[in-house]
Amino acid sequence: MARKKATDNAFVFFDILYEDGTRSSNRKIASAELLGLEGDAPAKALIEAQDRDIAAKSGHPRGPIKSITRSPGQ
């Protein structure tokens, strides 16, 4: 019988809702970044940094973030 692969919890996935109503699903954040006492609070700053990098490369800036939630199944 084949063995199952061990689950790799190296990343946490988040669903983002922007103030203009757009969504972004399964945004990846390293779980090591979320180990502090703040819980998921640092995720917003990390995702905003990702958005700035994406905007610099694509030329299409994102609006402000309205809410961040963990993706289902996390």
PDB file of N, CA and C in Angstrom:
ATOM      1  N   MET A   1       0.840  -1.171   0.000  1.00  0.00           N
ATOM      2  CA  MET A   1       0.000   0.000   0.000  1.00  0.00           C
ATOM      3  C   MET A   1       0.891   1.243   0.000  1.00  0.00           C
ATOM      4  N   ALA A   2       0.545   2.216  -0.804  1.00  0.00           N
ATOM      5  CA  ALA A   2       1.332   3.438  -0.928  1.00  0.00           C
ATOM      6  C   ALA A   2       1.159   4.315   0.304  1.00  0.00           C
ATOM      7  N   ARG A   3       2.223   4.977   0.663  1.00  0.00           N
ATOM      8  CA  ARG A   3       2.177   5.894   1.800  1.00  0.00           C
ATOM      9  C   ARG A   3       1.671   7.246   1.354  1.00  0.00           C
ATOM     10  N   LYS A   4       0.992   7.934   2.271  1.00  0.00           N
ATOM     11  CA  LYS A   4       0.562   9.296   1.995  1.00  0.00           C
ATOM     12  C   LYS A   4       1.733  10.237   2.234  1.00  0.00           C
ATOM     13  N   LYS A   5       1.789  11.297   1.453  1.00  0.00           N
ATOM     14  CA  LYS A   5       2.810  12.301   1.670  1.00  0.00           C
ATOM     15  C   LYS A   5       2.528  13.035   2.970  1.00  0.00           C
ATOM     16  N   ALA A   6       3.560  13.377   3.674  1.00  0.00           N
ATOM     17  CA  ALA A   6       3.396  14.170   4.892  1.00  0.00           C
ATOM     18  C   ALA A   6       2.926  15.566   4.501  1.00  0.00           C
ATOM     19  N   THR A   7       2.026  16.113   5.284  1.00  0.00           N
ATOM     20  CA  THR A   7       1.550  17.454   4.964  1.00  0.00           C
ATOM     21  C   THR A   7       2.627  18.464   5.294  1.00  0.00           C
ATOM     22  N   ASP A   8       2.781  19.394   4.421  1.00  0.00           N
ATOM     23  CA  ASP A   8       3.789  20.431   4.583  1.00  0.00           C
ATOM     24  C   ASP A   8       3.089  21.715   5.002  1.00  0.00           C
ATOM     25  N   ASN A   9       3.281  22.126   6.232  1.00  0.00           N
ATOM     26  CA  ASN A   9       2.642  23.330   6.748  1.00  0.00           C
ATOM     27  C   ASN A   9       3.596  24.517   6.699  1.00  0.00           C
ATOM     28  N   ALA A  10       4.370  24.601   5.645  1.00  0.00           N
ATOM     29  CA  ALA A  10       5.330  25.683   5.522  1.00  0.00           C
ATOM     30  C   ALA A  10       4.647  27.003   5.166  1.00  0.00           C
ATOM     31  N   PHE A  11       3.422  26.938   4.657  1.00  0.00           N
ATOM     32  CA  PHE A  11       2.708  28.142   4.249  1.00  0.00           C
ATOM     33  C   PHE A  11       1.292  28.142   4.801  1.00  0.00           C
ATOM     34  N   VAL A  12       0.774  29.352   4.995  1.00  0.00           N
ATOM     35  CA  VAL A  12      -0.617  29.556   5.375  1.00  0.00           C
ATOM     36  C   VAL A  12      -1.242  30.348   4.235  1.00  0.00           C
ATOM     37  N   PHE A  13      -2.446  29.971   3.840  1.00  0.00           N
ATOM     38  CA  PHE A  13      -3.125  30.625   2.730  1.00  0.00           C
ATOM     39  C   PHE A  13      -4.239  31.528   3.246  1.00  0.00           C
ATOM     40  N   PHE A  14      -4.358  32.700   2.626  1.00  0.00           N
ATOM     41  CA  PHE A  14      -5.350  33.689   3.031  1.00  0.00           C
ATOM     42  C   PHE A  14      -6.196  34.113   1.841  1.00  0.00           C
ATOM     43  N   ASP A  15      -7.460  34.439   2.123  1.00  0.00           N
ATOM     44  CA  ASP A  15      -8.357  35.044   1.138  1.00  0.00           C
ATOM     45  C   ASP A  15      -8.443  36.526   1.480  1.00  0.00           C
ATOM     46  N   ILE A  16      -8.290  37.382   0.475  1.00  0.00           N
ATOM     47  CA  ILE A  16      -8.247  38.821   0.665  1.00  0.00           C
ATOM     48  C   ILE A  16      -9.452  39.450  -0.011  1.00  0.00           C
ATOM     49  N   LEU A  17     -10.106  40.370   0.689  1.00  0.00           N
ATOM     50  CA  LEU A  17     -11.183  41.168   0.119  1.00  0.00           C
ATOM     51  C   LEU A  17     -10.706  42.617   0.131  1.00  0.00           C
ATOM     52  N   TYR A  18     -10.724  43.230  -1.042  1.00  0.00           N
ATOM     53  CA  TYR A  18     -10.288  44.621  -1.172  1.00  0.00           C
ATOM     54  C   TYR A  18     -11.493  45.550  -1.069  1.00  0.00           C
ATOM     55  N   GLU A  19     -11.247  46.803  -0.739  1.00  0.00           N
ATOM     56  CA  GLU A  19     -12.326  47.770  -0.550  1.00  0.00           C
ATOM     57  C   GLU A  19     -13.138  48.014  -1.816  1.00  0.00           C
ATOM     58  N   ASP A  20     -12.546  47.785  -2.988  1.00  0.00           N
ATOM     59  CA  ASP A  20     -13.289  47.971  -4.238  1.00  0.00           C
ATOM     60  C   ASP A  20     -14.137  46.751  -4.600  1.00  0.00           C
ATOM     61  N   GLY A  21     -14.137  45.722  -3.737  1.00  0.00           N
ATOM     62  CA  GLY A  21     -14.967  44.541  -3.953  1.00  0.00           C
ATOM     63  C   GLY A  21     -14.257  43.375  -4.616  1.00  0.00           C
ATOM     64  N   THR A  22     -13.028  43.561  -5.067  1.00  0.00           N
ATOM     65  CA  THR A  22     -12.298  42.457  -5.694  1.00  0.00           C
ATOM     66  C   THR A  22     -11.772  41.506  -4.622  1.00  0.00           C
ATOM     67  N   ARG A  23     -11.542  40.272  -5.036  1.00  0.00           N
ATOM     68  CA  ARG A  23     -11.052  39.223  -4.151  1.00  0.00           C
ATOM     69  C   ARG A  23      -9.757  38.641  -4.684  1.00  0.00           C
ATOM     70  N   SER A  24      -8.975  38.149  -3.763  1.00  0.00           N
ATOM     71  CA  SER A  24      -7.786  37.390  -4.111  1.00  0.00           C
ATOM     72  C   SER A  24      -7.763  36.176  -3.180  1.00  0.00           C
ATOM     73  N   SER A  25      -7.732  34.998  -3.745  1.00  0.00           N
ATOM     74  CA  SER A  25      -7.795  33.780  -2.947  1.00  0.00           C
ATOM     75  C   SER A  25      -6.455  33.081  -2.879  1.00  0.00           C
ATOM     76  N   ASN A  26      -6.256  32.380  -1.779  1.00  0.00           N
ATOM     77  CA  ASN A  26      -5.081  31.530  -1.573  1.00  0.00           C
ATOM     78  C   ASN A  26      -3.759  32.282  -1.685  1.00  0.00           C
ATOM     79  N   ARG A  27      -3.698  33.453  -1.071  1.00  0.00           N
ATOM     80  CA  ARG A  27      -2.426  34.184  -1.014  1.00  0.00           C
ATOM     81  C   ARG A  27      -1.548  33.513   0.022  1.00  0.00           C
ATOM     82  N   LYS A  28      -0.321  33.217  -0.349  1.00  0.00           N
ATOM     83  CA  LYS A  28       0.579  32.390   0.437  1.00  0.00           C
ATOM     84  C   LYS A  28       1.489  33.242   1.314  1.00  0.00           C
ATOM     85  N   ILE A  29       1.527  32.895   2.629  1.00  0.00           N
ATOM     86  CA  ILE A  29       2.420  33.532   3.591  1.00  0.00           C
ATOM     87  C   ILE A  29       3.166  32.416   4.317  1.00  0.00           C
ATOM     88  N   ALA A  30       4.463  32.581   4.492  1.00  0.00           N
ATOM     89  CA  ALA A  30       5.254  31.576   5.207  1.00  0.00           C
ATOM     90  C   ALA A  30       4.767  31.483   6.646  1.00  0.00           C
ATOM     91  N   SER A  31       4.541  30.270   7.121  1.00  0.00           N
ATOM     92  CA  SER A  31       4.027  30.090   8.480  1.00  0.00           C
ATOM     93  C   SER A  31       5.024  30.581   9.520  1.00  0.00           C
ATOM     94  N   ALA A  32       6.297  30.606   9.196  1.00  0.00           N
ATOM     95  CA  ALA A  32       7.300  31.109  10.129  1.00  0.00           C
ATOM     96  C   ALA A  32       7.091  32.596  10.423  1.00  0.00           C
ATOM     97  N   GLU A  33       6.491  33.320   9.492  1.00  0.00           N
ATOM     98  CA  GLU A  33       6.224  34.744   9.677  1.00  0.00           C
ATOM     99  C   GLU A  33       5.086  34.988  10.660  1.00  0.00           C
ATOM    100  N   LEU A  34       4.292  33.958  10.953  1.00  0.00           N
ATOM    101  CA  LEU A  34       3.100  34.108  11.786  1.00  0.00           C
ATOM    102  C   LEU A  34       3.233  33.420  13.135  1.00  0.00           C
ATOM    103  N   LEU A  35       4.441  33.174  13.593  1.00  0.00           N
ATOM    104  CA  LEU A  35       4.651  32.427  14.825  1.00  0.00           C
ATOM    105  C   LEU A  35       4.570  33.273  16.095  1.00  0.00           C
ATOM    106  N   GLY A  36       4.525  34.574  15.983  1.00  0.00           N
ATOM    107  CA  GLY A  36       4.523  35.439  17.161  1.00  0.00           C
ATOM    108  C   GLY A  36       3.202  35.420  17.904  1.00  0.00           C
ATOM    109  N   LEU A  37       3.111  36.232  18.925  1.00  0.00           N
ATOM    110  CA  LEU A  37       1.915  36.323  19.751  1.00  0.00           C
ATOM    111  C   LEU A  37       0.771  37.047  19.059  1.00  0.00           C
ATOM    112  N   GLU A  38       1.054  37.719  17.945  1.00  0.00           N
ATOM    113  CA  GLU A  38       0.035  38.496  17.241  1.00  0.00           C
ATOM    114  C   GLU A  38      -0.893  37.629  16.405  1.00  0.00           C
ATOM    115  N   GLY A  39      -0.606  36.352  16.246  1.00  0.00           N
ATOM    116  CA  GLY A  39      -1.439  35.472  15.428  1.00  0.00           C
ATOM    117  C   GLY A  39      -1.320  35.816  13.956  1.00  0.00           C
ATOM    118  N   ASP A  40      -2.464  36.067  13.299  1.00  0.00           N
ATOM    119  CA  ASP A  40      -2.478  36.358  11.872  1.00  0.00           C
ATOM    120  C   ASP A  40      -2.324  37.844  11.564  1.00  0.00           C
ATOM    121  N   ALA A  41      -2.180  38.694  12.564  1.00  0.00           N
ATOM    122  CA  ALA A  41      -2.095  40.140  12.353  1.00  0.00           C
ATOM    123  C   ALA A  41      -0.961  40.543  11.405  1.00  0.00           C
ATOM    124  N   PRO A  42       0.232  39.949  11.479  1.00  0.00           N
ATOM    125  CA  PRO A  42       1.312  40.336  10.555  1.00  0.00           C
ATOM    126  C   PRO A  42       1.021  40.009   9.094  1.00  0.00           C
ATOM    127  N   ALA A  43       0.034  39.178   8.835  1.00  0.00           N
ATOM    128  CA  ALA A  43      -0.270  38.774   7.460  1.00  0.00           C
ATOM    129  C   ALA A  43      -0.679  39.968   6.605  1.00  0.00           C
ATOM    130  N   LYS A  44      -1.390  40.930   7.185  1.00  0.00           N
ATOM    131  CA  LYS A  44      -1.845  42.081   6.398  1.00  0.00           C
ATOM    132  C   LYS A  44      -0.659  42.858   5.843  1.00  0.00           C
ATOM    133  N   ALA A  45       0.328  43.145   6.686  1.00  0.00           N
ATOM    134  CA  ALA A  45       1.505  43.882   6.220  1.00  0.00           C
ATOM    135  C   ALA A  45       2.271  43.084   5.170  1.00  0.00           C
ATOM    136  N   LEU A  46       2.370  41.783   5.353  1.00  0.00           N
ATOM    137  CA  LEU A  46       3.085  40.948   4.387  1.00  0.00           C
ATOM    138  C   LEU A  46       2.358  40.894   3.049  1.00  0.00           C
ATOM    139  N   ILE A  47       1.038  40.820   3.089  1.00  0.00           N
ATOM    140  CA  ILE A  47       0.258  40.779   1.849  1.00  0.00           C
ATOM    141  C   ILE A  47       0.303  42.135   1.150  1.00  0.00           C
ATOM    142  N   GLU A  48       0.284  43.227   1.932  1.00  0.00           N
ATOM    143  CA  GLU A  48       0.423  44.550   1.322  1.00  0.00           C
ATOM    144  C   GLU A  48       1.778  44.689   0.643  1.00  0.00           C
ATOM    145  N   ALA A  49       2.820  44.123   1.229  1.00  0.00           N
ATOM    146  CA  ALA A  49       4.145  44.144   0.599  1.00  0.00           C
ATOM    147  C   ALA A  49       4.135  43.331  -0.694  1.00  0.00           C
ATOM    148  N   GLN A  50       3.456  42.173  -0.685  1.00  0.00           N
ATOM    149  CA  GLN A  50       3.322  41.384  -1.911  1.00  0.00           C
ATOM    150  C   GLN A  50       2.590  42.187  -2.984  1.00  0.00           C
ATOM    151  N   ASP A  51       1.522  42.888  -2.571  1.00  0.00           N
ATOM    152  CA  ASP A  51       0.751  43.700  -3.524  1.00  0.00           C
ATOM    153  C   ASP A  51       1.615  44.794  -4.148  1.00  0.00           C
ATOM    154  N   ARG A  52       2.470  45.423  -3.340  1.00  0.00           N
ATOM    155  CA  ARG A  52       3.357  46.467  -3.874  1.00  0.00           C
ATOM    156  C   ARG A  52       4.322  45.877  -4.901  1.00  0.00           C
ATOM    157  N   ASP A  53       4.870  44.702  -4.608  1.00  0.00           N
ATOM    158  CA  ASP A  53       5.780  44.041  -5.553  1.00  0.00           C
ATOM    159  C   ASP A  53       5.058  43.692  -6.855  1.00  0.00           C
ATOM    160  N   ILE A  54       3.849  43.157  -6.730  1.00  0.00           N
ATOM    161  CA  ILE A  54       3.066  42.795  -7.918  1.00  0.00           C
ATOM    162  C   ILE A  54       2.732  44.038  -8.727  1.00  0.00           C
ATOM    163  N   ALA A  55       2.351  45.124  -8.046  1.00  0.00           N
ATOM    164  CA  ALA A  55       2.009  46.370  -8.735  1.00  0.00           C
ATOM    165  C   ALA A  55       3.220  46.951  -9.455  1.00  0.00           C
ATOM    166  N   ALA A  56       4.390  46.859  -8.839  1.00  0.00           N
ATOM    167  CA  ALA A  56       5.597  47.379  -9.473  1.00  0.00           C
ATOM    168  C   ALA A  56       5.925  46.608 -10.751  1.00  0.00           C
ATOM    169  N   LYS A  57       5.676  45.317 -10.750  1.00  0.00           N
ATOM    170  CA  LYS A  57       5.990  44.494 -11.913  1.00  0.00           C
ATOM    171  C   LYS A  57       4.923  44.586 -13.004  1.00  0.00           C
ATOM    172  N   SER A  58       3.641  44.698 -12.577  1.00  0.00           N
ATOM    173  CA  SER A  58       2.562  44.675 -13.561  1.00  0.00           C
ATOM    174  C   SER A  58       2.091  46.068 -13.979  1.00  0.00           C
ATOM    175  N   GLY A  59       2.301  47.055 -13.107  1.00  0.00           N
ATOM    176  CA  GLY A  59       1.821  48.395 -13.397  1.00  0.00           C
ATOM    177  C   GLY A  59       0.363  48.606 -13.022  1.00  0.00           C
ATOM    178  N   HIS A  60      -0.245  47.631 -12.338  1.00  0.00           N
ATOM    179  CA  HIS A  60      -1.645  47.723 -11.921  1.00  0.00           C
ATOM    180  C   HIS A  60      -1.719  47.667 -10.395  1.00  0.00           C
ATOM    181  N   PRO A  61      -1.817  48.818  -9.739  1.00  0.00           N
ATOM    182  CA  PRO A  61      -1.852  48.803  -8.273  1.00  0.00           C
ATOM    183  C   PRO A  61      -3.166  48.247  -7.729  1.00  0.00           C
ATOM    184  N   ARG A  62      -3.104  47.650  -6.556  1.00  0.00           N
ATOM    185  CA  ARG A  62      -4.283  47.140  -5.863  1.00  0.00           C
ATOM    186  C   ARG A  62      -4.807  48.219  -4.931  1.00  0.00           C
ATOM    187  N   GLY A  63      -6.077  48.138  -4.617  1.00  0.00           N
ATOM    188  CA  GLY A  63      -6.674  49.060  -3.666  1.00  0.00           C
ATOM    189  C   GLY A  63      -6.361  48.636  -2.246  1.00  0.00           C
ATOM    190  N   PRO A  64      -6.879  49.382  -1.283  1.00  0.00           N
ATOM    191  CA  PRO A  64      -6.667  49.034   0.129  1.00  0.00           C
ATOM    192  C   PRO A  64      -7.394  47.733   0.497  1.00  0.00           C
ATOM    193  N   ILE A  65      -6.835  47.018   1.449  1.00  0.00           N
ATOM    194  CA  ILE A  65      -7.403  45.750   1.893  1.00  0.00           C
ATOM    195  C   ILE A  65      -8.528  46.028   2.886  1.00  0.00           C
ATOM    196  N   LYS A  66      -9.665  45.369   2.660  1.00  0.00           N
ATOM    197  CA  LYS A  66     -10.806  45.506   3.558  1.00  0.00           C
ATOM    198  C   LYS A  66     -10.770  44.425   4.645  1.00  0.00           C
ATOM    199  N   SER A  67     -10.532  43.164   4.245  1.00  0.00           N
ATOM    200  CA  SER A  67     -10.470  42.089   5.231  1.00  0.00           C
ATOM    201  C   SER A  67      -9.577  40.959   4.744  1.00  0.00           C
ATOM    202  N   ILE A  68      -9.041  40.228   5.724  1.00  0.00           N
ATOM    203  CA  ILE A  68      -8.186  39.074   5.463  1.00  0.00           C
ATOM    204  C   ILE A  68      -8.715  37.922   6.308  1.00  0.00           C
ATOM    205  N   THR A  69      -8.920  36.765   5.682  1.00  0.00           N
ATOM    206  CA  THR A  69      -9.333  35.567   6.410  1.00  0.00           C
ATOM    207  C   THR A  69      -8.519  34.385   5.900  1.00  0.00           C
ATOM    208  N   ARG A  70      -8.330  33.417   6.769  1.00  0.00           N
ATOM    209  CA  ARG A  70      -7.638  32.201   6.326  1.00  0.00           C
ATOM    210  C   ARG A  70      -8.498  31.465   5.324  1.00  0.00           C
ATOM    211  N   SER A  71      -7.871  30.894   4.328  1.00  0.00           N
ATOM    212  CA  SER A  71      -8.600  30.111   3.338  1.00  0.00           C
ATOM    213  C   SER A  71      -9.195  28.883   4.007  1.00  0.00           C
ATOM    214  N   PRO A  72     -10.365  28.438   3.562  1.00  0.00           N
ATOM    215  CA  PRO A  72     -10.964  27.230   4.145  1.00  0.00           C
ATOM    216  C   PRO A  72     -10.024  26.034   4.016  1.00  0.00           C
ATOM    217  N   GLY A  73     -10.020  25.200   5.012  1.00  0.00           N
ATOM    218  CA  GLY A  73      -9.157  24.022   4.987  1.00  0.00           C
ATOM    219  C   GLY A  73      -7.792  24.258   5.588  1.00  0.00           C
ATOM    220  N   GLN A  74      -7.579  25.429   6.154  1.00  0.00           N
ATOM    221  CA  GLN A  74      -6.284  25.744   6.765  1.00  0.00           C
ATOM    222  C   GLN A  74      -6.299  25.466   8.238  1.00  0.00           C
TER     223      GLN A  74
END
